PDB file of all heavy atoms in Angstrom:
ATOM      1  N   GLY A   1      -7.702  17.939  12.794  1.00  0.00           N
ATOM      2  CA  GLY A   1      -8.415  16.795  12.322  1.00  0.00           C
ATOM      3  C   GLY A   1      -8.296  16.644  10.762  1.00  0.00           C
ATOM      4  O   GLY A   1      -8.048  15.511  10.238  1.00  0.00           O
ATOM      5  N   GLY A   2      -8.422  17.657  10.047  1.00  0.00           N
ATOM      6  CA  GLY A   2      -8.241  17.707   8.565  1.00  0.00           C
ATOM      7  C   GLY A   2      -6.925  17.061   8.112  1.00  0.00           C
ATOM      8  O   GLY A   2      -6.722  16.381   7.119  1.00  0.00           O
ATOM      9  N   GLN A   3      -5.884  17.538   8.980  1.00  0.00           N
ATOM     10  CA  GLN A   3      -4.499  17.185   8.557  1.00  0.00           C
ATOM     11  C   GLN A   3      -4.303  15.649   8.879  1.00  0.00           C
ATOM     12  O   GLN A   3      -3.702  14.970   8.095  1.00  0.00           O
ATOM     13  CB  GLN A   3      -3.478  17.932   9.429  1.00  0.00           C
ATOM     14  CG  GLN A   3      -2.006  17.503   9.106  1.00  0.00           C
ATOM     15  CD  GLN A   3      -0.968  18.363   9.946  1.00  0.00           C
ATOM     16  OE1 GLN A   3      -1.505  19.117  10.763  1.00  0.00           O
ATOM     17  NE2 GLN A   3       0.188  18.113   9.774  1.00  0.00           N
ATOM     18  N   LEU A   4      -4.885  15.223   9.951  1.00  0.00           N
ATOM     19  CA  LEU A   4      -4.830  13.755  10.297  1.00  0.00           C
ATOM     20  C   LEU A   4      -5.464  12.925   9.313  1.00  0.00           C
ATOM     21  O   LEU A   4      -4.994  11.945   8.791  1.00  0.00           O
ATOM     22  CB  LEU A   4      -5.576  13.460  11.664  1.00  0.00           C
ATOM     23  CG  LEU A   4      -4.732  14.023  12.890  1.00  0.00           C
ATOM     24  CD1 LEU A   4      -5.695  13.796  14.199  1.00  0.00           C
ATOM     25  CD2 LEU A   4      -3.395  13.420  13.151  1.00  0.00           C
ATOM     26  N   VAL A   5      -6.679  13.248   8.854  1.00  0.00           N
ATOM     27  CA  VAL A   5      -7.519  12.487   7.776  1.00  0.00           C
ATOM     28  C   VAL A   5      -6.609  12.555   6.561  1.00  0.00           C
ATOM     29  O   VAL A   5      -6.519  11.510   5.803  1.00  0.00           O
ATOM     30  CB  VAL A   5      -8.880  13.121   7.599  1.00  0.00           C
ATOM     31  CG1 VAL A   5      -9.483  12.448   6.425  1.00  0.00           C
ATOM     32  CG2 VAL A   5      -9.672  13.055   8.921  1.00  0.00           C
ATOM     33  N   SER A   6      -6.072  13.693   6.112  1.00  0.00           N
ATOM     34  CA  SER A   6      -5.336  13.760   4.794  1.00  0.00           C
ATOM     35  C   SER A   6      -4.057  12.866   4.891  1.00  0.00           C
ATOM     36  O   SER A   6      -3.780  12.204   3.956  1.00  0.00           O
ATOM     37  CB  SER A   6      -4.892  15.233   4.663  1.00  0.00           C
ATOM     38  OG  SER A   6      -6.112  15.932   4.395  1.00  0.00           O
ATOM     39  N   MET A   7      -3.341  12.894   5.985  1.00  0.00           N
ATOM     40  CA  MET A   7      -2.281  12.021   6.291  1.00  0.00           C
ATOM     41  C   MET A   7      -2.517  10.584   6.182  1.00  0.00           C
ATOM     42  O   MET A   7      -1.924   9.693   5.580  1.00  0.00           O
ATOM     43  CB  MET A   7      -1.471  12.371   7.597  1.00  0.00           C
ATOM     44  CG  MET A   7      -0.860  13.807   7.569  1.00  0.00           C
ATOM     45  SD  MET A   7      -0.126  14.071   9.191  1.00  0.00           S
ATOM     46  CE  MET A   7       1.077  12.779   9.345  1.00  0.00           C
ATOM     47  N   ALA A   8      -3.626  10.209   6.776  1.00  0.00           N
ATOM     48  CA  ALA A   8      -4.118   8.799   6.838  1.00  0.00           C
ATOM     49  C   ALA A   8      -4.485   8.326   5.425  1.00  0.00           C
ATOM     50  O   ALA A   8      -4.174   7.236   4.987  1.00  0.00           O
ATOM     51  CB  ALA A   8      -5.292   8.622   7.813  1.00  0.00           C
ATOM     52  N   LEU A   9      -5.113   9.169   4.620  1.00  0.00           N
ATOM     53  CA  LEU A   9      -5.556   8.855   3.307  1.00  0.00           C
ATOM     54  C   LEU A   9      -4.273   8.750   2.444  1.00  0.00           C
ATOM     55  O   LEU A   9      -4.173   7.742   1.693  1.00  0.00           O
ATOM     56  CB  LEU A   9      -6.386   9.979   2.684  1.00  0.00           C
ATOM     57  CG  LEU A   9      -7.951   9.942   3.009  1.00  0.00           C
ATOM     58  CD1 LEU A   9      -8.680  11.196   2.512  1.00  0.00           C
ATOM     59  CD2 LEU A   9      -8.584   8.613   2.441  1.00  0.00           C
ATOM     60  N   GLY A  10      -3.249   9.545   2.659  1.00  0.00           N
ATOM     61  CA  GLY A  10      -2.113   9.509   1.738  1.00  0.00           C
ATOM     62  C   GLY A  10      -1.315   8.345   2.172  1.00  0.00           C
ATOM     63  O   GLY A  10      -0.797   7.700   1.201  1.00  0.00           O
ATOM     64  N   MET A  11      -1.136   7.932   3.462  1.00  0.00           N
ATOM     65  CA  MET A  11      -0.402   6.724   3.739  1.00  0.00           C
ATOM     66  C   MET A  11      -1.077   5.572   3.262  1.00  0.00           C
ATOM     67  O   MET A  11      -0.367   4.568   2.855  1.00  0.00           O
ATOM     68  CB  MET A  11      -0.261   6.832   5.298  1.00  0.00           C
ATOM     69  CG  MET A  11       0.703   7.957   5.865  1.00  0.00           C
ATOM     70  SD  MET A  11       0.680   7.949   7.597  1.00  0.00           S
ATOM     71  CE  MET A  11       1.505   6.490   7.988  1.00  0.00           C
ATOM     72  N   THR A  12      -2.472   5.534   3.357  1.00  0.00           N
ATOM     73  CA  THR A  12      -3.275   4.287   2.900  1.00  0.00           C
ATOM     74  C   THR A  12      -2.853   4.083   1.401  1.00  0.00           C
ATOM     75  O   THR A  12      -2.648   2.920   0.937  1.00  0.00           O
ATOM     76  CB  THR A  12      -4.743   4.473   3.172  1.00  0.00           C
ATOM     77  OG1 THR A  12      -4.904   4.714   4.632  1.00  0.00           O
ATOM     78  CG2 THR A  12      -5.327   3.290   2.647  1.00  0.00           C
ATOM     79  N   ALA A  13      -3.023   5.138   0.614  1.00  0.00           N
ATOM     80  CA  ALA A  13      -2.805   5.064  -0.806  1.00  0.00           C
ATOM     81  C   ALA A  13      -1.292   4.631  -1.152  1.00  0.00           C
ATOM     82  O   ALA A  13      -1.057   3.741  -1.907  1.00  0.00           O
ATOM     83  CB  ALA A  13      -3.006   6.250  -1.446  1.00  0.00           C
ATOM     84  N   LEU A  14      -0.340   5.170  -0.317  1.00  0.00           N
ATOM     85  CA  LEU A  14       1.017   4.766  -0.571  1.00  0.00           C
ATOM     86  C   LEU A  14       1.267   3.469  -0.243  1.00  0.00           C
ATOM     87  O   LEU A  14       1.996   2.604  -1.013  1.00  0.00           O
ATOM     88  CB  LEU A  14       1.934   5.717   0.360  1.00  0.00           C
ATOM     89  CG  LEU A  14       3.375   5.437   0.138  1.00  0.00           C
ATOM     90  CD1 LEU A  14       3.889   5.884  -1.155  1.00  0.00           C
ATOM     91  CD2 LEU A  14       4.174   6.370   1.293  1.00  0.00           C
ATOM     92  N   VAL A  15       0.703   2.853   0.835  1.00  0.00           N
ATOM     93  CA  VAL A  15       0.962   1.460   1.214  1.00  0.00           C
ATOM     94  C   VAL A  15       0.216   0.534   0.291  1.00  0.00           C
ATOM     95  O   VAL A  15       0.902  -0.506  -0.116  1.00  0.00           O
ATOM     96  CB  VAL A  15       0.434   1.188   2.743  1.00  0.00           C
ATOM     97  CG1 VAL A  15       0.365  -0.325   3.019  1.00  0.00           C
ATOM     98  CG2 VAL A  15       1.165   1.951   3.712  1.00  0.00           C
ATOM     99  N   PHE A  16      -0.981   0.876  -0.069  1.00  0.00           N
ATOM    100  CA  PHE A  16      -1.693  -0.049  -1.038  1.00  0.00           C
ATOM    101  C   PHE A  16      -1.139  -0.129  -2.386  1.00  0.00           C
ATOM    102  O   PHE A  16      -0.783  -1.255  -2.938  1.00  0.00           O
ATOM    103  CB  PHE A  16      -3.071   0.437  -1.263  1.00  0.00           C
ATOM    104  CG  PHE A  16      -3.856  -0.343  -2.311  1.00  0.00           C
ATOM    105  CD1 PHE A  16      -4.283  -1.620  -2.009  1.00  0.00           C
ATOM    106  CD2 PHE A  16      -4.165   0.285  -3.457  1.00  0.00           C
ATOM    107  CE1 PHE A  16      -4.929  -2.394  -3.038  1.00  0.00           C
ATOM    108  CE2 PHE A  16      -4.945  -0.505  -4.560  1.00  0.00           C
ATOM    109  CZ  PHE A  16      -5.274  -1.818  -4.158  1.00  0.00           C
ATOM    110  N   PHE A  17      -0.702   0.998  -2.956  1.00  0.00           N
ATOM    111  CA  PHE A  17      -0.057   0.978  -4.321  1.00  0.00           C
ATOM    112  C   PHE A  17       1.367   0.503  -4.267  1.00  0.00           C
ATOM    113  O   PHE A  17       1.845  -0.244  -5.325  1.00  0.00           O
ATOM    114  CB  PHE A  17      -0.012   2.382  -4.887  1.00  0.00           C
ATOM    115  CG  PHE A  17      -1.555   2.784  -5.419  1.00  0.00           C
ATOM    116  CD1 PHE A  17      -2.100   3.868  -4.762  1.00  0.00           C
ATOM    117  CD2 PHE A  17      -2.058   2.047  -6.537  1.00  0.00           C
ATOM    118  CE1 PHE A  17      -3.333   4.275  -5.165  1.00  0.00           C
ATOM    119  CE2 PHE A  17      -3.375   2.531  -6.892  1.00  0.00           C
ATOM    120  CZ  PHE A  17      -3.958   3.621  -6.145  1.00  0.00           C
ATOM    121  N   GLY A  18       2.090   0.815  -3.156  1.00  0.00           N
ATOM    122  CA  GLY A  18       3.358   0.328  -3.120  1.00  0.00           C
ATOM    123  C   GLY A  18       3.455  -1.396  -2.941  1.00  0.00           C
ATOM    124  O   GLY A  18       4.149  -1.989  -3.579  1.00  0.00           O
ATOM    125  N   LEU A  19       2.604  -1.918  -2.140  1.00  0.00           N
ATOM    126  CA  LEU A  19       2.498  -3.276  -1.903  1.00  0.00           C
ATOM    127  C   LEU A  19       1.966  -4.090  -3.152  1.00  0.00           C
ATOM    128  O   LEU A  19       2.522  -5.086  -3.583  1.00  0.00           O
ATOM    129  CB  LEU A  19       1.637  -3.696  -0.699  1.00  0.00           C
ATOM    130  CG  LEU A  19       2.128  -3.293   0.642  1.00  0.00           C
ATOM    131  CD1 LEU A  19       1.050  -3.638   1.759  1.00  0.00           C
ATOM    132  CD2 LEU A  19       3.460  -3.966   0.904  1.00  0.00           C
ATOM    133  N   SER A  20       1.008  -3.420  -3.791  1.00  0.00           N
ATOM    134  CA  SER A  20       0.335  -4.005  -4.993  1.00  0.00           C
ATOM    135  C   SER A  20       1.441  -4.089  -6.092  1.00  0.00           C
ATOM    136  O   SER A  20       1.597  -5.083  -6.896  1.00  0.00           O
ATOM    137  CB  SER A  20      -0.806  -3.209  -5.489  1.00  0.00           C
ATOM    138  OG  SER A  20      -1.831  -3.348  -4.517  1.00  0.00           O
ATOM    139  N   ALA A  21       2.156  -2.958  -6.307  1.00  0.00           N
ATOM    140  CA  ALA A  21       3.065  -2.807  -7.348  1.00  0.00           C
ATOM    141  C   ALA A  21       4.280  -3.938  -7.007  1.00  0.00           C
ATOM    142  O   ALA A  21       4.805  -4.378  -7.949  1.00  0.00           O
ATOM    143  CB  ALA A  21       3.823  -1.422  -7.268  1.00  0.00           C
ATOM    144  N   TYR A  22       4.717  -3.998  -5.728  1.00  0.00           N
ATOM    145  CA  TYR A  22       5.890  -4.965  -5.453  1.00  0.00           C
ATOM    146  C   TYR A  22       5.266  -6.356  -5.818  1.00  0.00           C
ATOM    147  O   TYR A  22       6.133  -7.081  -6.338  1.00  0.00           O
ATOM    148  CB  TYR A  22       6.012  -4.836  -3.979  1.00  0.00           C
ATOM    149  CG  TYR A  22       7.120  -5.767  -3.516  1.00  0.00           C
ATOM    150  CD1 TYR A  22       8.486  -5.636  -3.743  1.00  0.00           C
ATOM    151  CD2 TYR A  22       6.712  -7.014  -2.810  1.00  0.00           C
ATOM    152  CE1 TYR A  22       9.428  -6.550  -3.395  1.00  0.00           C
ATOM    153  CE2 TYR A  22       7.749  -7.811  -2.359  1.00  0.00           C
ATOM    154  CZ  TYR A  22       9.027  -7.675  -2.737  1.00  0.00           C
ATOM    155  OH  TYR A  22      10.077  -8.553  -2.262  1.00  0.00           O
ATOM    156  N   ALA A  23       4.125  -6.645  -5.437  1.00  0.00           N
ATOM    157  CA  ALA A  23       3.530  -8.004  -5.762  1.00  0.00           C
ATOM    158  C   ALA A  23       3.529  -8.315  -7.281  1.00  0.00           C
ATOM    159  O   ALA A  23       3.782  -9.405  -7.791  1.00  0.00           O
ATOM    160  CB  ALA A  23       2.230  -8.304  -5.091  1.00  0.00           C
ATOM    161  N   ILE A  24       3.035  -7.313  -8.015  1.00  0.00           N
ATOM    162  CA  ILE A  24       2.874  -7.322  -9.453  1.00  0.00           C
ATOM    163  C   ILE A  24       4.188  -7.551 -10.138  1.00  0.00           C
ATOM    164  O   ILE A  24       4.379  -8.305 -11.116  1.00  0.00           O
ATOM    165  CB  ILE A  24       2.022  -6.280  -9.969  1.00  0.00           C
ATOM    166  CG1 ILE A  24       0.608  -6.302  -9.548  1.00  0.00           C
ATOM    167  CG2 ILE A  24       2.038  -6.231 -11.599  1.00  0.00           C
ATOM    168  CD1 ILE A  24      -0.255  -5.050  -9.832  1.00  0.00           C
ATOM    169  N   ILE A  25       5.137  -6.511  -9.725  1.00  0.00           N
ATOM    170  CA  ILE A  25       6.495  -6.461 -10.452  1.00  0.00           C
ATOM    171  C   ILE A  25       7.307  -7.736 -10.274  1.00  0.00           C
ATOM    172  O   ILE A  25       7.919  -8.331 -11.140  1.00  0.00           O
ATOM    173  CB  ILE A  25       7.195  -5.131 -10.095  1.00  0.00           C
ATOM    174  CG1 ILE A  25       6.451  -4.020 -10.560  1.00  0.00           C
ATOM    175  CG2 ILE A  25       8.582  -5.178 -10.726  1.00  0.00           C
ATOM    176  CD1 ILE A  25       7.024  -2.676 -10.149  1.00  0.00           C
ATOM    177  N   THR A  26       7.360  -8.090  -9.000  1.00  0.00           N
ATOM    178  CA  THR A  26       8.186  -9.186  -8.590  1.00  0.00           C
ATOM    179  C   THR A  26       7.656 -10.509  -8.929  1.00  0.00           C
ATOM    180  O   THR A  26       8.293 -11.487  -9.074  1.00  0.00           O
ATOM    181  CB  THR A  26       8.620  -9.215  -7.105  1.00  0.00           C
ATOM    182  OG1 THR A  26       7.347  -9.406  -6.280  1.00  0.00           O
ATOM    183  CG2 THR A  26       9.299  -7.957  -6.724  1.00  0.00           C
ATOM    184  N   ARG A  27       6.211 -10.583  -8.969  1.00  0.00           N
ATOM    185  CA  ARG A  27       5.462 -11.899  -9.207  1.00  0.00           C
ATOM    186  C   ARG A  27       5.825 -12.815  -8.212  1.00  0.00           C
ATOM    187  O   ARG A  27       5.861 -14.129  -8.499  1.00  0.00           O
ATOM    188  CB  ARG A  27       5.731 -12.311 -10.630  1.00  0.00           C
ATOM    189  CG  ARG A  27       5.097 -11.368 -11.609  1.00  0.00           C
ATOM    190  CD  ARG A  27       5.078 -12.031 -13.006  1.00  0.00           C
ATOM    191  NE  ARG A  27       4.169 -11.305 -13.909  1.00  0.00           N
ATOM    192  CZ  ARG A  27       2.889 -11.507 -14.234  1.00  0.00           C
ATOM    193  NH1 ARG A  27       2.307 -12.514 -13.598  1.00  0.00           N
ATOM    194  NH2 ARG A  27       2.306 -10.743 -15.035  1.00  0.00           N
ATOM    195  N   LYS A  28       6.096 -12.441  -6.932  1.00  0.00           N
ATOM    196  CA  LYS A  28       6.413 -13.477  -5.842  1.00  0.00           C
ATOM    197  C   LYS A  28       5.211 -14.046  -5.434  1.00  0.00           C
ATOM    198  O   LYS A  28       4.171 -13.374  -5.539  1.00  0.00           O
ATOM    199  CB  LYS A  28       7.186 -12.816  -4.727  1.00  0.00           C
ATOM    200  CG  LYS A  28       8.500 -12.410  -5.065  1.00  0.00           C
ATOM    201  CD  LYS A  28       9.277 -11.674  -3.721  1.00  0.00           C
ATOM    202  CE  LYS A  28       9.421 -12.621  -2.652  1.00  0.00           C
ATOM    203  NZ  LYS A  28      10.121 -12.207  -1.519  1.00  0.00           N
ATOM    204  N   ASP A  29       5.274 -15.284  -4.946  1.00  0.00           N
ATOM    205  CA  ASP A  29       4.004 -16.046  -4.523  1.00  0.00           C
ATOM    206  C   ASP A  29       4.060 -15.774  -3.071  1.00  0.00           C
ATOM    207  O   ASP A  29       4.819 -16.317  -2.314  1.00  0.00           O
ATOM    208  CB  ASP A  29       4.251 -17.421  -4.845  1.00  0.00           C
ATOM    209  CG  ASP A  29       2.923 -18.366  -4.484  1.00  0.00           C
ATOM    210  OD1 ASP A  29       2.081 -17.667  -3.918  1.00  0.00           O
ATOM    211  OD2 ASP A  29       2.935 -19.610  -4.807  1.00  0.00           O
ATOM    212  N   PHE A  30       2.923 -15.090  -2.651  1.00  0.00           N
ATOM    213  CA  PHE A  30       2.842 -14.743  -1.145  1.00  0.00           C
ATOM    214  C   PHE A  30       1.718 -15.786  -0.539  1.00  0.00           C
ATOM    215  O   PHE A  30       1.268 -15.369   0.464  1.00  0.00           O
ATOM    216  CB  PHE A  30       2.448 -13.399  -0.882  1.00  0.00           C
ATOM    217  CG  PHE A  30       3.515 -12.278  -1.258  1.00  0.00           C
ATOM    218  CD1 PHE A  30       3.597 -11.707  -2.534  1.00  0.00           C
ATOM    219  CD2 PHE A  30       4.459 -12.125  -0.275  1.00  0.00           C
ATOM    220  CE1 PHE A  30       4.551 -10.819  -2.675  1.00  0.00           C
ATOM    221  CE2 PHE A  30       5.590 -11.236  -0.533  1.00  0.00           C
ATOM    222  CZ  PHE A  30       5.545 -10.532  -1.689  1.00  0.00           C
ATOM    223  N   SER A  31       1.448 -16.852  -1.120  1.00  0.00           N
ATOM    224  CA  SER A  31       0.454 -17.759  -0.449  1.00  0.00           C
ATOM    225  C   SER A  31       0.998 -18.261   0.774  1.00  0.00           C
ATOM    226  O   SER A  31       0.087 -18.738   1.559  1.00  0.00           O
ATOM    227  CB  SER A  31       0.278 -19.041  -1.467  1.00  0.00           C
ATOM    228  OG  SER A  31       1.581 -19.736  -1.652  1.00  0.00           O
ATOM    229  N   PHE A  32       2.205 -18.186   1.101  1.00  0.00           N
ATOM    230  CA  PHE A  32       2.745 -18.769   2.462  1.00  0.00           C
ATOM    231  C   PHE A  32       2.207 -17.780   3.609  1.00  0.00           C
ATOM    232  O   PHE A  32       2.300 -18.126   4.714  1.00  0.00           O
ATOM    233  CB  PHE A  32       4.277 -18.639   2.490  1.00  0.00           C
ATOM    234  CG  PHE A  32       4.890 -17.232   2.358  1.00  0.00           C
ATOM    235  CD1 PHE A  32       5.097 -16.460   3.502  1.00  0.00           C
ATOM    236  CD2 PHE A  32       5.249 -16.827   1.131  1.00  0.00           C
ATOM    237  CE1 PHE A  32       5.738 -15.092   3.253  1.00  0.00           C
ATOM    238  CE2 PHE A  32       5.798 -15.477   0.887  1.00  0.00           C
ATOM    239  CZ  PHE A  32       6.002 -14.728   2.085  1.00  0.00           C
ATOM    240  N   LEU A  33       1.624 -16.520   3.197  1.00  0.00           N
ATOM    241  CA  LEU A  33       1.010 -15.713   4.175  1.00  0.00           C
ATOM    242  C   LEU A  33      -0.278 -16.128   4.780  1.00  0.00           C
ATOM    243  O   LEU A  33      -0.795 -15.469   5.757  1.00  0.00           O
ATOM    244  CB  LEU A  33       0.929 -14.178   3.595  1.00  0.00           C
ATOM    245  CG  LEU A  33       2.232 -13.524   3.380  1.00  0.00           C
ATOM    246  CD1 LEU A  33       1.914 -12.111   2.757  1.00  0.00           C
ATOM    247  CD2 LEU A  33       2.988 -13.222   4.733  1.00  0.00           C
TER     248      LEU A  33
END
């Protein structure tokens, strides 16, 4: 269980910061979503 929770936390952080950085750096308009 501890490994599962740690992996989920790490993946969540990676997805959030990766997507946020992509939107900020490219400044693409994702209003179509």
